[in-house]
């Protein structure tokens, strides 16, 4: 089971932690793992490309991903909101289609 935990602060993505293995297919051919990996890596790479968004992330081992946004300039808040929504909706879409293999939780902070 893959577990994805998102934290939103003030309506914006603050952090994302993903861990586990779906087990929906053989290693290297698991469609659920592939979908979650593509969503996470795309969000991280997209945010990392913006100089005014400070984001740290790593993939410490297979089946693990962590990302934290420490600051964003006002002019990129809308961009961050869009990327955060992309990630959240994408992960929920995977979890709705494959509920036995992926679970998503969202913590909302003011």
PDB file of N, CA and C in Angstrom:
ATOM      1  N   UNK A   1       0.846  -1.186   0.000  1.00  0.00           N
ATOM      2  CA  UNK A   1       0.000   0.000   0.000  1.00  0.00           C
ATOM      3  C   UNK A   1       0.884   1.240   0.000  1.00  0.00           C
ATOM      4  N   UNK A   2       0.552   2.160  -0.875  1.00  0.00           N
ATOM      5  CA  UNK A   2       1.223   3.453  -0.901  1.00  0.00           C
ATOM      6  C   UNK A   2       0.414   4.409  -0.041  1.00  0.00           C
ATOM      7  N   UNK A   3       1.090   5.146   0.818  1.00  0.00           N
ATOM      8  CA  UNK A   3       0.464   6.184   1.614  1.00  0.00           C
ATOM      9  C   UNK A   3       1.020   7.531   1.200  1.00  0.00           C
ATOM     10  N   UNK A   4       0.144   8.458   0.872  1.00  0.00           N
ATOM     11  CA  UNK A   4       0.554   9.812   0.494  1.00  0.00           C
ATOM     12  C   UNK A   4      -0.074  10.789   1.480  1.00  0.00           C
ATOM     13  N   UNK A   5       0.761  11.610   2.084  1.00  0.00           N
ATOM     14  CA  UNK A   5       0.306  12.603   3.053  1.00  0.00           C
ATOM     15  C   UNK A   5       0.668  13.990   2.539  1.00  0.00           C
ATOM     16  N   UNK A   6      -0.344  14.804   2.323  1.00  0.00           N
ATOM     17  CA  UNK A   6      -0.136  16.174   1.872  1.00  0.00           C
ATOM     18  C   UNK A   6      -0.499  17.115   3.011  1.00  0.00           C
ATOM     19  N   UNK A   7       0.261  18.197   3.135  1.00  0.00           N
ATOM     20  CA  UNK A   7      -0.075  19.258   4.081  1.00  0.00           C
ATOM     21  C   UNK A   7      -0.276  20.535   3.283  1.00  0.00           C
ATOM     22  N   UNK A   8      -1.437  21.160   3.491  1.00  0.00           N
ATOM     23  CA  UNK A   8      -1.740  22.443   2.877  1.00  0.00           C
ATOM     24  C   UNK A   8      -1.763  23.491   3.969  1.00  0.00           C
ATOM     25  N   UNK A   9      -1.117  24.610   3.713  1.00  0.00           N
ATOM     26  CA  UNK A   9      -1.079  25.701   4.676  1.00  0.00           C
ATOM     27  C   UNK A   9      -1.517  26.969   3.975  1.00  0.00           C
ATOM     28  N   UNK A  10      -2.578  27.583   4.470  1.00  0.00           N
ATOM     29  CA  UNK A  10      -3.106  28.771   3.812  1.00  0.00           C
ATOM     30  C   UNK A  10      -3.573  28.475   2.403  1.00  0.00           C
ATOM     31  N   UNK A  11      -4.013  27.241   2.164  1.00  0.00           N
ATOM     32  CA  UNK A  11      -4.488  26.831   0.847  1.00  0.00           C
ATOM     33  C   UNK A  11      -3.401  26.406  -0.122  1.00  0.00           C
ATOM     34  N   UNK A  12      -2.138  26.483   0.308  1.00  0.00           N
ATOM     35  CA  UNK A  12      -1.013  26.133  -0.563  1.00  0.00           C
ATOM     36  C   UNK A  12      -0.313  24.867  -0.079  1.00  0.00           C
ATOM     37  N   UNK A  13       0.249  24.118  -1.022  1.00  0.00           N
ATOM     38  CA  UNK A  13       1.017  22.934  -0.679  1.00  0.00           C
ATOM     39  C   UNK A  13       2.205  23.315   0.187  1.00  0.00           C
ATOM     40  N   UNK A  14       2.335  22.678   1.324  1.00  0.00           N
ATOM     41  CA  UNK A  14       3.455  22.916   2.239  1.00  0.00           C
ATOM     42  C   UNK A  14       4.402  21.726   2.243  1.00  0.00           C
ATOM     43  N   UNK A  15       3.834  20.502   2.214  1.00  0.00           N
ATOM     44  CA  UNK A  15       4.690  19.318   2.204  1.00  0.00           C
ATOM     45  C   UNK A  15       3.955  18.125   1.620  1.00  0.00           C
ATOM     46  N   UNK A  16       4.743  17.150   1.234  1.00  0.00           N
ATOM     47  CA  UNK A  16       4.221  15.896   0.693  1.00  0.00           C
ATOM     48  C   UNK A  16       5.169  14.780   1.115  1.00  0.00           C
ATOM     49  N   UNK A  17       4.603  13.725   1.650  1.00  0.00           N
ATOM     50  CA  UNK A  17       5.373  12.531   2.000  1.00  0.00           C
ATOM     51  C   UNK A  17       4.656  11.334   1.406  1.00  0.00           C
ATOM     52  N   UNK A  18       5.402  10.538   0.683  1.00  0.00           N
ATOM     53  CA  UNK A  18       4.846   9.340   0.061  1.00  0.00           C
ATOM     54  C   UNK A  18       5.738   8.172   0.445  1.00  0.00           C
ATOM     55  N   UNK A  19       5.115   7.085   0.874  1.00  0.00           N
ATOM     56  CA  UNK A  19       5.904   5.914   1.240  1.00  0.00           C
ATOM     57  C   UNK A  19       5.130   4.636   0.943  1.00  0.00           C
ATOM     58  N   UNK A  20       5.882   3.589   0.743  1.00  0.00           N
ATOM     59  CA  UNK A  20       5.295   2.273   0.541  1.00  0.00           C
ATOM     60  C   UNK A  20       5.362   1.807  -0.894  1.00  0.00           C
ATOM     61  N   UNK A  21       4.874   0.605  -1.076  1.00  0.00           N
ATOM     62  CA  UNK A  21       4.822  -0.034  -2.396  1.00  0.00           C
ATOM     63  C   UNK A  21       3.405  -0.511  -2.624  1.00  0.00           C
ATOM     64  N   UNK A  22       2.885  -0.277  -3.801  1.00  0.00           N
ATOM     65  CA  UNK A  22       1.499  -0.642  -4.083  1.00  0.00           C
ATOM     66  C   UNK A  22       1.293  -2.155  -4.098  1.00  0.00           C
ATOM     67  N   UNK A  23       2.177  -2.862  -4.753  1.00  0.00           N
ATOM     68  CA  UNK A  23       2.000  -4.306  -4.879  1.00  0.00           C
ATOM     69  C   UNK A  23       0.918  -4.673  -5.876  1.00  0.00           C
ATOM     70  N   UNK A  24       0.623  -3.766  -6.800  1.00  0.00           N
ATOM     71  CA  UNK A  24      -0.415  -4.015  -7.803  1.00  0.00           C
ATOM     72  C   UNK A  24       0.132  -4.736  -9.035  1.00  0.00           C
ATOM     73  N   UNK A  25       1.422  -4.944  -9.066  1.00  0.00           N
ATOM     74  CA  UNK A  25       2.045  -5.613 -10.204  1.00  0.00           C
ATOM     75  C   UNK A  25       3.479  -5.928  -9.861  1.00  0.00           C
ATOM     76  N   UNK A  26       4.166  -6.644 -10.754  1.00  0.00           N
ATOM     77  CA  UNK A  26       5.567  -6.984 -10.487  1.00  0.00           C
ATOM     78  C   UNK A  26       6.456  -5.737 -10.426  1.00  0.00           C
ATOM     79  N   UNK A  27       7.547  -5.844  -9.680  1.00  0.00           N
ATOM     80  CA  UNK A  27       8.510  -4.743  -9.570  1.00  0.00           C
ATOM     81  C   UNK A  27       8.927  -4.284 -10.966  1.00  0.00           C
ATOM     82  N   UNK A  28       8.833  -2.982 -11.176  1.00  0.00           N
ATOM     83  CA  UNK A  28       9.180  -2.413 -12.471  1.00  0.00           C
ATOM     84  C   UNK A  28       8.021  -2.363 -13.451  1.00  0.00           C
ATOM     85  N   UNK A  29       6.880  -2.956 -13.077  1.00  0.00           N
ATOM     86  CA  UNK A  29       5.720  -2.957 -13.967  1.00  0.00           C
ATOM     87  C   UNK A  29       4.428  -2.680 -13.204  1.00  0.00           C
ATOM     88  N   UNK A  30       4.544  -2.000 -12.088  1.00  0.00           N
ATOM     89  CA  UNK A  30       3.397  -1.692 -11.234  1.00  0.00           C
ATOM     90  C   UNK A  30       2.822  -0.347 -11.649  1.00  0.00           C
ATOM     91  N   UNK A  31       1.639  -0.357 -12.240  1.00  0.00           N
ATOM     92  CA  UNK A  31       1.039   0.869 -12.774  1.00  0.00           C
ATOM     93  C   UNK A  31       0.718   1.887 -11.680  1.00  0.00           C
ATOM     94  N   UNK A  32       0.361   1.425 -10.477  1.00  0.00           N
ATOM     95  CA  UNK A  32       0.043   2.345  -9.391  1.00  0.00           C
ATOM     96  C   UNK A  32       1.309   3.050  -8.914  1.00  0.00           C
ATOM     97  N   UNK A  33       2.370   2.294  -8.708  1.00  0.00           N
ATOM     98  CA  UNK A  33       3.651   2.902  -8.321  1.00  0.00           C
ATOM     99  C   UNK A  33       4.123   3.895  -9.388  1.00  0.00           C
ATOM    100  N   UNK A  34       3.980   3.499 -10.630  1.00  0.00           N
ATOM    101  CA  UNK A  34       4.414   4.376 -11.721  1.00  0.00           C
ATOM    102  C   UNK A  34       3.621   5.675 -11.730  1.00  0.00           C
ATOM    103  N   UNK A  35       2.309   5.594 -11.556  1.00  0.00           N
ATOM    104  CA  UNK A  35       1.471   6.791 -11.580  1.00  0.00           C
ATOM    105  C   UNK A  35       1.831   7.738 -10.433  1.00  0.00           C
ATOM    106  N   UNK A  36       1.971   7.204  -9.232  1.00  0.00           N
ATOM    107  CA  UNK A  36       2.299   8.027  -8.068  1.00  0.00           C
ATOM    108  C   UNK A  36       3.694   8.637  -8.230  1.00  0.00           C
ATOM    109  N   UNK A  37       4.635   7.860  -8.719  1.00  0.00           N
ATOM    110  CA  UNK A  37       6.003   8.355  -8.922  1.00  0.00           C
ATOM    111  C   UNK A  37       6.040   9.502  -9.926  1.00  0.00           C
ATOM    112  N   UNK A  38       5.323   9.361 -11.020  1.00  0.00           N
ATOM    113  CA  UNK A  38       5.306  10.409 -12.039  1.00  0.00           C
ATOM    114  C   UNK A  38       4.690  11.690 -11.483  1.00  0.00           C
ATOM    115  N   UNK A  39       3.599  11.567 -10.744  1.00  0.00           N
ATOM    116  CA  UNK A  39       2.976  12.754 -10.157  1.00  0.00           C
ATOM    117  C   UNK A  39       3.926  13.467  -9.204  1.00  0.00           C
ATOM    118  N   UNK A  40       4.546  12.715  -8.295  1.00  0.00           N
ATOM    119  CA  UNK A  40       5.438  13.307  -7.293  1.00  0.00           C
ATOM    120  C   UNK A  40       6.668  13.930  -7.936  1.00  0.00           C
ATOM    121  N   UNK A  41       7.302  13.203  -8.833  1.00  0.00           N
ATOM    122  CA  UNK A  41       8.515  13.704  -9.474  1.00  0.00           C
ATOM    123  C   UNK A  41       8.232  14.929 -10.348  1.00  0.00           C
ATOM    124  N   UNK A  42       7.099  14.925 -11.038  1.00  0.00           N
ATOM    125  CA  UNK A  42       6.742  16.069 -11.879  1.00  0.00           C
ATOM    126  C   UNK A  42       6.485  17.311 -11.028  1.00  0.00           C
ATOM    127  N   UNK A  43       5.746  17.137  -9.932  1.00  0.00           N
ATOM    128  CA  UNK A  43       5.487  18.283  -9.043  1.00  0.00           C
ATOM    129  C   UNK A  43       6.793  18.830  -8.487  1.00  0.00           C
ATOM    130  N   UNK A  44       7.668  17.946  -8.021  1.00  0.00           N
ATOM    131  CA  UNK A  44       8.939  18.388  -7.453  1.00  0.00           C
ATOM    132  C   UNK A  44       9.803  19.098  -8.495  1.00  0.00           C
ATOM    133  N   UNK A  45       9.917  18.514  -9.655  1.00  0.00           N
ATOM    134  CA  UNK A  45      10.748  19.105 -10.714  1.00  0.00           C
ATOM    135  C   UNK A  45      10.176  20.460 -11.163  1.00  0.00           C
ATOM    136  N   UNK A  46       8.866  20.553 -11.257  1.00  0.00           N
ATOM    137  CA  UNK A  46       8.224  21.797 -11.666  1.00  0.00           C
ATOM    138  C   UNK A  46       8.465  22.900 -10.637  1.00  0.00           C
ATOM    139  N   UNK A  47       8.293  22.579  -9.368  1.00  0.00           N
ATOM    140  CA  UNK A  47       8.518  23.583  -8.322  1.00  0.00           C
ATOM    141  C   UNK A  47       9.994  23.949  -8.203  1.00  0.00           C
ATOM    142  N   UNK A  48      10.867  22.982  -8.372  1.00  0.00           N
ATOM    143  CA  UNK A  48      12.314  23.234  -8.272  1.00  0.00           C
ATOM    144  C   UNK A  48      12.803  24.179  -9.355  1.00  0.00           C
ATOM    145  N   UNK A  49      12.076  24.262 -10.448  1.00  0.00           N
ATOM    146  CA  UNK A  49      12.473  25.127 -11.554  1.00  0.00           C
ATOM    147  C   UNK A  49      12.155  26.601 -11.332  1.00  0.00           C
ATOM    148  N   UNK A  50      11.445  26.915 -10.258  1.00  0.00           N
ATOM    149  CA  UNK A  50      11.099  28.309  -9.954  1.00  0.00           C
ATOM    150  C   UNK A  50      12.029  28.843  -8.887  1.00  0.00           C
ATOM    151  N   UNK A  51      12.781  29.873  -9.225  1.00  0.00           N
ATOM    152  CA  UNK A  51      13.751  30.437  -8.282  1.00  0.00           C
ATOM    153  C   UNK A  51      13.095  31.041  -7.042  1.00  0.00           C
ATOM    154  N   UNK A  52      11.863  31.515  -7.174  1.00  0.00           N
ATOM    155  CA  UNK A  52      11.215  32.180  -6.043  1.00  0.00           C
ATOM    156  C   UNK A  52      10.447  31.212  -5.137  1.00  0.00           C
ATOM    157  N   UNK A  53      10.514  29.914  -5.448  1.00  0.00           N
ATOM    158  CA  UNK A  53       9.911  28.901  -4.582  1.00  0.00           C
ATOM    159  C   UNK A  53      11.044  28.064  -4.010  1.00  0.00           C
ATOM    160  N   UNK A  54      11.157  28.053  -2.692  1.00  0.00           N
ATOM    161  CA  UNK A  54      12.192  27.256  -2.023  1.00  0.00           C
ATOM    162  C   UNK A  54      11.595  25.896  -1.680  1.00  0.00           C
ATOM    163  N   UNK A  55      12.099  24.876  -2.349  1.00  0.00           N
ATOM    164  CA  UNK A  55      11.579  23.526  -2.144  1.00  0.00           C
ATOM    165  C   UNK A  55      12.746  22.564  -1.927  1.00  0.00           C
ATOM    166  N   UNK A  56      12.595  21.717  -0.951  1.00  0.00           N
ATOM    167  CA  UNK A  56      13.573  20.662  -0.705  1.00  0.00           C
ATOM    168  C   UNK A  56      12.842  19.337  -0.878  1.00  0.00           C
ATOM    169  N   UNK A  57      13.523  18.394  -1.443  1.00  0.00           N
ATOM    170  CA  UNK A  57      12.913  17.079  -1.623  1.00  0.00           C
ATOM    171  C   UNK A  57      13.973  16.029  -1.823  1.00  0.00           C
ATOM    172  N   UNK A  58      13.599  14.816  -1.503  1.00  0.00           N
ATOM    173  CA  UNK A  58      14.519  13.717  -1.764  1.00  0.00           C
ATOM    174  C   UNK A  58      13.766  12.410  -1.894  1.00  0.00           C
ATOM    175  N   UNK A  59      14.462  11.474  -2.451  1.00  0.00           N
ATOM    176  CA  UNK A  59      13.990  10.115  -2.643  1.00  0.00           C
ATOM    177  C   UNK A  59      15.009   9.221  -1.933  1.00  0.00           C
ATOM    178  N   UNK A  60      14.921   9.111  -0.598  1.00  0.00           N
ATOM    179  CA  UNK A  60      15.969   8.425   0.157  1.00  0.00           C
ATOM    180  C   UNK A  60      16.150   6.957  -0.215  1.00  0.00           C
ATOM    181  N   UNK A  61      15.085   6.323  -0.665  1.00  0.00           N
ATOM    182  CA  UNK A  61      15.173   4.925  -1.114  1.00  0.00           C
ATOM    183  C   UNK A  61      13.937   4.615  -1.943  1.00  0.00           C
ATOM    184  N   UNK A  62      13.939   3.473  -2.607  1.00  0.00           N
ATOM    185  CA  UNK A  62      12.772   3.080  -3.395  1.00  0.00           C
ATOM    186  C   UNK A  62      11.534   3.079  -2.507  1.00  0.00           C
ATOM    187  N   UNK A  63      10.473   3.665  -3.009  1.00  0.00           N
ATOM    188  CA  UNK A  63       9.231   3.695  -2.259  1.00  0.00           C
ATOM    189  C   UNK A  63       9.138   4.820  -1.248  1.00  0.00           C
ATOM    190  N   UNK A  64      10.071   5.771  -1.292  1.00  0.00           N
ATOM    191  CA  UNK A  64      10.058   6.895  -0.350  1.00  0.00           C
ATOM    192  C   UNK A  64      10.257   8.207  -1.101  1.00  0.00           C
ATOM    193  N   UNK A  65       9.456   9.208  -0.737  1.00  0.00           N
ATOM    194  CA  UNK A  65       9.582  10.540  -1.325  1.00  0.00           C
ATOM    195  C   UNK A  65       9.172  11.562  -0.273  1.00  0.00           C
ATOM    196  N   UNK A  66       9.951  12.627  -0.180  1.00  0.00           N
ATOM    197  CA  UNK A  66       9.630  13.726   0.737  1.00  0.00           C
ATOM    198  C   UNK A  66       9.867  15.042   0.014  1.00  0.00           C
ATOM    199  N   UNK A  67       8.954  15.980   0.248  1.00  0.00           N
ATOM    200  CA  UNK A  67       9.097  17.307  -0.344  1.00  0.00           C
ATOM    201  C   UNK A  67       8.533  18.322   0.651  1.00  0.00           C
ATOM    202  N   UNK A  68       9.239  19.431   0.804  1.00  0.00           N
ATOM    203  CA  UNK A  68       8.791  20.504   1.698  1.00  0.00           C
ATOM    204  C   UNK A  68       9.035  21.845   1.029  1.00  0.00           C
ATOM    205  N   UNK A  69       8.012  22.681   1.035  1.00  0.00           N
ATOM    206  CA  UNK A  69       8.127  24.032   0.500  1.00  0.00           C
ATOM    207  C   UNK A  69       8.336  24.962   1.692  1.00  0.00           C
ATOM    208  N   UNK A  70       9.487  25.644   1.726  1.00  0.00           N
ATOM    209  CA  UNK A  70       9.800  26.493   2.875  1.00  0.00           C
ATOM    210  C   UNK A  70       9.419  27.953   2.644  1.00  0.00           C
ATOM    211  N   UNK A  71       9.377  28.382   1.390  1.00  0.00           N
ATOM    212  CA  UNK A  71       8.941  29.757   1.125  1.00  0.00           C
ATOM    213  C   UNK A  71       8.549  29.914  -0.341  1.00  0.00           C
ATOM    214  N   UNK A  72       7.690  30.909  -0.555  1.00  0.00           N
ATOM    215  CA  UNK A  72       7.257  31.244  -1.910  1.00  0.00           C
ATOM    216  C   UNK A  72       7.016  32.750  -1.955  1.00  0.00           C
ATOM    217  N   UNK A  73       7.500  33.386  -2.995  1.00  0.00           N
ATOM    218  CA  UNK A  73       7.252  34.815  -3.174  1.00  0.00           C
ATOM    219  C   UNK A  73       5.798  35.018  -3.593  1.00  0.00           C
ATOM    220  N   UNK A  74       5.226  36.152  -3.239  1.00  0.00           N
ATOM    221  CA  UNK A  74       3.809  36.403  -3.553  1.00  0.00           C
ATOM    222  C   UNK A  74       3.454  36.208  -5.029  1.00  0.00           C
ATOM    223  N   UNK A  75       4.349  36.570  -5.928  1.00  0.00           N
ATOM    224  CA  UNK A  75       4.036  36.446  -7.353  1.00  0.00           C
ATOM    225  C   UNK A  75       3.937  35.002  -7.832  1.00  0.00           C
ATOM    226  N   UNK A  76       4.437  34.040  -7.051  1.00  0.00           N
ATOM    227  CA  UNK A  76       4.355  32.634  -7.442  1.00  0.00           C
ATOM    228  C   UNK A  76       3.378  31.823  -6.597  1.00  0.00           C
ATOM    229  N   UNK A  77       2.582  32.483  -5.772  1.00  0.00           N
ATOM    230  CA  UNK A  77       1.595  31.757  -4.955  1.00  0.00           C
ATOM    231  C   UNK A  77       0.571  31.033  -5.838  1.00  0.00           C
ATOM    232  N   UNK A  78       0.124  31.696  -6.885  1.00  0.00           N
ATOM    233  CA  UNK A  78      -0.849  31.076  -7.789  1.00  0.00           C
ATOM    234  C   UNK A  78      -0.231  29.870  -8.499  1.00  0.00           C
ATOM    235  N   UNK A  79       1.034  29.995  -8.884  1.00  0.00           N
ATOM    236  CA  UNK A  79       1.734  28.873  -9.526  1.00  0.00           C
ATOM    237  C   UNK A  79       1.819  27.686  -8.560  1.00  0.00           C
ATOM    238  N   UNK A  80       2.216  27.952  -7.309  1.00  0.00           N
ATOM    239  CA  UNK A  80       2.301  26.897  -6.303  1.00  0.00           C
ATOM    240  C   UNK A  80       0.931  26.266  -6.068  1.00  0.00           C
ATOM    241  N   UNK A  81      -0.115  27.091  -6.031  1.00  0.00           N
ATOM    242  CA  UNK A  81      -1.470  26.563  -5.855  1.00  0.00           C
ATOM    243  C   UNK A  81      -1.836  25.601  -6.988  1.00  0.00           C
ATOM    244  N   UNK A  82      -1.466  25.964  -8.192  1.00  0.00           N
ATOM    245  CA  UNK A  82      -1.758  25.106  -9.351  1.00  0.00           C
ATOM    246  C   UNK A  82      -1.023  23.786  -9.298  1.00  0.00           C
ATOM    247  N   UNK A  83       0.253  23.827  -8.965  1.00  0.00           N
ATOM    248  CA  UNK A  83       1.043  22.588  -8.878  1.00  0.00           C
ATOM    249  C   UNK A  83       0.532  21.729  -7.715  1.00  0.00           C
ATOM    250  N   UNK A  84       0.223  22.366  -6.597  1.00  0.00           N
ATOM    251  CA  UNK A  84      -0.315  21.614  -5.461  1.00  0.00           C
ATOM    252  C   UNK A  84      -1.635  20.957  -5.796  1.00  0.00           C
ATOM    253  N   UNK A  85      -2.499  21.673  -6.507  1.00  0.00           N
ATOM    254  CA  UNK A  85      -3.785  21.102  -6.913  1.00  0.00           C
ATOM    255  C   UNK A  85      -3.592  19.942  -7.890  1.00  0.00           C
ATOM    256  N   UNK A  86      -2.664  20.101  -8.831  1.00  0.00           N
ATOM    257  CA  UNK A  86      -2.328  19.023  -9.770  1.00  0.00           C
ATOM    258  C   UNK A  86      -1.927  17.763  -9.002  1.00  0.00           C
ATOM    259  N   UNK A  87      -1.033  17.923  -8.034  1.00  0.00           N
ATOM    260  CA  UNK A  87      -0.546  16.780  -7.263  1.00  0.00           C
ATOM    261  C   UNK A  87      -1.673  16.154  -6.446  1.00  0.00           C
ATOM    262  N   UNK A  88      -2.432  16.977  -5.742  1.00  0.00           N
ATOM    263  CA  UNK A  88      -3.523  16.480  -4.891  1.00  0.00           C
ATOM    264  C   UNK A  88      -4.575  15.747  -5.720  1.00  0.00           C
ATOM    265  N   UNK A  89      -5.041  16.382  -6.787  1.00  0.00           N
ATOM    266  CA  UNK A  89      -6.070  15.755  -7.618  1.00  0.00           C
ATOM    267  C   UNK A  89      -5.560  14.486  -8.293  1.00  0.00           C
ATOM    268  N   UNK A  90      -4.312  14.509  -8.726  1.00  0.00           N
ATOM    269  CA  UNK A  90      -3.729  13.317  -9.346  1.00  0.00           C
ATOM    270  C   UNK A  90      -3.638  12.155  -8.381  1.00  0.00           C
ATOM    271  N   UNK A  91      -3.160  12.423  -7.164  1.00  0.00           N
ATOM    272  CA  UNK A  91      -3.052  11.361  -6.156  1.00  0.00           C
ATOM    273  C   UNK A  91      -4.429  10.829  -5.766  1.00  0.00           C
ATOM    274  N   UNK A  92      -5.400  11.731  -5.585  1.00  0.00           N
ATOM    275  CA  UNK A  92      -6.758  11.270  -5.261  1.00  0.00           C
ATOM    276  C   UNK A  92      -7.342  10.448  -6.400  1.00  0.00           C
ATOM    277  N   UNK A  93      -7.055  10.817  -7.626  1.00  0.00           N
ATOM    278  CA  UNK A  93      -7.537  10.058  -8.774  1.00  0.00           C
ATOM    279  C   UNK A  93      -6.986   8.624  -8.752  1.00  0.00           C
ATOM    280  N   UNK A  94      -5.698   8.503  -8.469  1.00  0.00           N
ATOM    281  CA  UNK A  94      -5.088   7.163  -8.375  1.00  0.00           C
ATOM    282  C   UNK A  94      -5.721   6.375  -7.234  1.00  0.00           C
ATOM    283  N   UNK A  95      -5.903   7.025  -6.080  1.00  0.00           N
ATOM    284  CA  UNK A  95      -6.458   6.312  -4.919  1.00  0.00           C
ATOM    285  C   UNK A  95      -7.921   5.913  -5.141  1.00  0.00           C
ATOM    286  N   UNK A  96      -8.670   6.702  -5.897  1.00  0.00           N
ATOM    287  CA  UNK A  96     -10.053   6.342  -6.205  1.00  0.00           C
ATOM    288  C   UNK A  96     -10.126   5.168  -7.167  1.00  0.00           C
ATOM    289  N   UNK A  97      -9.205   5.132  -8.120  1.00  0.00           N
ATOM    290  CA  UNK A  97      -9.201   4.038  -9.093  1.00  0.00           C
ATOM    291  C   UNK A  97      -8.592   2.762  -8.524  1.00  0.00           C
ATOM    292  N   UNK A  98      -7.649   2.902  -7.603  1.00  0.00           N
ATOM    293  CA  UNK A  98      -6.954   1.750  -7.012  1.00  0.00           C
ATOM    294  C   UNK A  98      -6.963   1.860  -5.485  1.00  0.00           C
ATOM    295  N   UNK A  99      -8.148   1.816  -4.860  1.00  0.00           N
ATOM    296  CA  UNK A  99      -8.230   2.035  -3.406  1.00  0.00           C
ATOM    297  C   UNK A  99      -7.519   0.976  -2.561  1.00  0.00           C
ATOM    298  N   UNK A 100      -7.295  -0.189  -3.103  1.00  0.00           N
ATOM    299  CA  UNK A 100      -6.590  -1.235  -2.350  1.00  0.00           C
ATOM    300  C   UNK A 100      -5.079  -1.047  -2.364  1.00  0.00           C
ATOM    301  N   UNK A 101      -4.606  -0.093  -3.178  1.00  0.00           N
ATOM    302  CA  UNK A 101      -3.165   0.065  -3.357  1.00  0.00           C
ATOM    303  C   UNK A 101      -2.627   1.453  -3.019  1.00  0.00           C
ATOM    304  N   UNK A 102      -3.515   2.426  -2.848  1.00  0.00           N
ATOM    305  CA  UNK A 102      -3.065   3.801  -2.607  1.00  0.00           C
ATOM    306  C   UNK A 102      -4.048   4.524  -1.696  1.00  0.00           C
ATOM    307  N   UNK A 103      -3.516   5.165  -0.674  1.00  0.00           N
ATOM    308  CA  UNK A 103      -4.326   5.946   0.265  1.00  0.00           C
ATOM    309  C   UNK A 103      -3.731   7.350   0.357  1.00  0.00           C
ATOM    310  N   UNK A 104      -4.601   8.366   0.335  1.00  0.00           N
ATOM    311  CA  UNK A 104      -4.156   9.764   0.387  1.00  0.00           C
ATOM    312  C   UNK A 104      -4.828  10.442   1.570  1.00  0.00           C
ATOM    313  N   UNK A 105      -4.044  11.222   2.309  1.00  0.00           N
ATOM    314  CA  UNK A 105      -4.607  12.053   3.377  1.00  0.00           C
ATOM    315  C   UNK A 105      -4.114  13.473   3.199  1.00  0.00           C
ATOM    316  N   UNK A 106      -4.946  14.414   3.609  1.00  0.00           N
ATOM    317  CA  UNK A 106      -4.603  15.830   3.492  1.00  0.00           C
ATOM    318  C   UNK A 106      -4.824  16.488   4.847  1.00  0.00           C
ATOM    319  N   UNK A 107      -3.787  17.150   5.325  1.00  0.00           N
ATOM    320  CA  UNK A 107      -3.891  17.944   6.546  1.00  0.00           C
ATOM    321  C   UNK A 107      -3.980  19.405   6.114  1.00  0.00           C
ATOM    322  N   UNK A 108      -4.992  20.097   6.617  1.00  0.00           N
ATOM    323  CA  UNK A 108      -5.182  21.505   6.249  1.00  0.00           C
ATOM    324  C   UNK A 108      -4.882  22.366   7.466  1.00  0.00           C
ATOM    325  N   UNK A 109      -3.916  23.272   7.276  1.00  0.00           N
ATOM    326  CA  UNK A 109      -3.555  24.226   8.322  1.00  0.00           C
ATOM    327  C   UNK A 109      -3.959  25.616   7.880  1.00  0.00           C
ATOM    328  N   UNK A 110      -4.335  26.470   8.845  1.00  0.00           N
ATOM    329  CA  UNK A 110      -4.735  27.836   8.472  1.00  0.00           C
ATOM    330  C   UNK A 110      -3.572  28.646   7.914  1.00  0.00           C
TER     331      UNK A 110
END
